[in-house]
Amino acid sequence: MRAREWLIAFRYGCPAEYGVPTLPSWEQCRDEDGRLALRERDADEPFISAANPVTVRR
């Protein structure tokens, strides 16, 4: 799903009315090795982690 489609659907009503799925609720955490990780709020295990995150300029 492209972010543009989600934003347009959000601006004009509930995204579910346009067939756009709801965004997952993720939280940032650290795993046992101290790596940055993302997990769902209800889950115990992260689904993705970054061994060496870096700061990126945009």
C-alpha atoms as a PDB file:
ATOM      1  CA  MET A   1       0.000   0.000   0.000  1.00  0.00           C
ATOM      2  CA  ARG A   2       1.433   3.353  -0.937  1.00  0.00           C
ATOM      3  CA  ALA A   3       1.502   6.030   1.747  1.00  0.00           C
ATOM      4  CA  ARG A   4      -0.172   8.500  -0.612  1.00  0.00           C
ATOM      5  CA  GLU A   5      -3.266   6.282  -0.985  1.00  0.00           C
ATOM      6  CA  TRP A   6      -3.537   5.845   2.775  1.00  0.00           C
ATOM      7  CA  LEU A   7      -3.216   9.589   3.390  1.00  0.00           C
ATOM      8  CA  ILE A   8      -5.854  10.492   0.810  1.00  0.00           C
ATOM      9  CA  ALA A   9      -8.279   7.926   2.246  1.00  0.00           C
ATOM     10  CA  PHE A  10      -7.585   9.202   5.777  1.00  0.00           C
ATOM     11  CA  ARG A  11      -8.221  12.827   4.805  1.00  0.00           C
ATOM     12  CA  TYR A  12     -11.650  12.046   3.355  1.00  0.00           C
ATOM     13  CA  GLY A  13     -12.981   9.614   5.941  1.00  0.00           C
ATOM     14  CA  CYS A  14     -12.191   6.271   7.464  1.00  0.00           C
ATOM     15  CA  PRO A  15      -9.553   4.427   5.369  1.00  0.00           C
ATOM     16  CA  ALA A  16     -11.467   1.135   5.848  1.00  0.00           C
ATOM     17  CA  GLU A  17     -14.369   2.640   3.860  1.00  0.00           C
ATOM     18  CA  TYR A  18     -12.041   2.806   0.829  1.00  0.00           C
ATOM     19  CA  GLY A  19     -10.611  -0.684   1.262  1.00  0.00           C
ATOM     20  CA  VAL A  20      -7.373   0.575   2.815  1.00  0.00           C
ATOM     21  CA  PRO A  21      -6.131  -1.680   5.650  1.00  0.00           C
ATOM     22  CA  THR A  22      -5.484  -0.156   9.058  1.00  0.00           C
ATOM     23  CA  LEU A  23      -1.916   0.581  10.054  1.00  0.00           C
ATOM     24  CA  PRO A  24      -0.313  -1.888  12.453  1.00  0.00           C
ATOM     25  CA  SER A  25       0.596  -0.661  15.928  1.00  0.00           C
ATOM     26  CA  TRP A  26       4.316  -1.240  16.354  1.00  0.00           C
ATOM     27  CA  GLU A  27       6.542  -0.206  19.193  1.00  0.00           C
ATOM     28  CA  GLN A  28      10.278   0.325  19.301  1.00  0.00           C
ATOM     29  CA  CYS A  29      12.292  -1.815  21.700  1.00  0.00           C
ATOM     30  CA  ARG A  30      15.746  -3.317  22.215  1.00  0.00           C
ATOM     31  CA  ASP A  31      16.434  -7.036  22.018  1.00  0.00           C
ATOM     32  CA  GLU A  32      18.651  -8.918  24.466  1.00  0.00           C
ATOM     33  CA  ASP A  33      21.770  -7.951  22.462  1.00  0.00           C
ATOM     34  CA  GLY A  34      20.838  -4.243  22.612  1.00  0.00           C
ATOM     35  CA  ARG A  35      19.847  -3.992  18.940  1.00  0.00           C
ATOM     36  CA  LEU A  36      17.034  -1.720  17.833  1.00  0.00           C
ATOM     37  CA  ALA A  37      13.915  -3.793  17.126  1.00  0.00           C
ATOM     38  CA  LEU A  38      10.252  -3.375  16.178  1.00  0.00           C
ATOM     39  CA  ARG A  39       7.449  -5.525  17.524  1.00  0.00           C
ATOM     40  CA  GLU A  40       3.688  -5.464  17.666  1.00  0.00           C
ATOM     41  CA  ARG A  41       2.304  -4.104  20.929  1.00  0.00           C
ATOM     42  CA  ASP A  42       0.851  -7.453  22.019  1.00  0.00           C
ATOM     43  CA  ALA A  43       3.821  -9.610  20.941  1.00  0.00           C
ATOM     44  CA  ASP A  44       6.808 -10.679  23.011  1.00  0.00           C
ATOM     45  CA  GLU A  45       9.183 -11.270  20.091  1.00  0.00           C
ATOM     46  CA  PRO A  46      10.303  -8.531  17.669  1.00  0.00           C
ATOM     47  CA  PHE A  47       9.662  -9.196  13.980  1.00  0.00           C
ATOM     48  CA  ILE A  48      12.628  -7.124  12.731  1.00  0.00           C
ATOM     49  CA  SER A  49      15.825  -5.768  14.252  1.00  0.00           C
ATOM     50  CA  ALA A  50      18.775  -3.672  13.145  1.00  0.00           C
ATOM     51  CA  ALA A  51      22.260  -4.731  14.194  1.00  0.00           C
ATOM     52  CA  ASN A  52      23.939  -1.401  13.355  1.00  0.00           C
ATOM     53  CA  PRO A  53      21.388   1.424  12.924  1.00  0.00           C
ATOM     54  CA  VAL A  54      22.785   4.699  11.560  1.00  0.00           C
ATOM     55  CA  THR A  55      21.453   8.248  11.461  1.00  0.00           C
ATOM     56  CA  VAL A  56      20.294   9.293   8.005  1.00  0.00           C
ATOM     57  CA  ARG A  57      19.945  12.849   6.779  1.00  0.00           C
ATOM     58  CA  ARG A  58      16.986  13.587   4.548  1.00  0.00           C
END
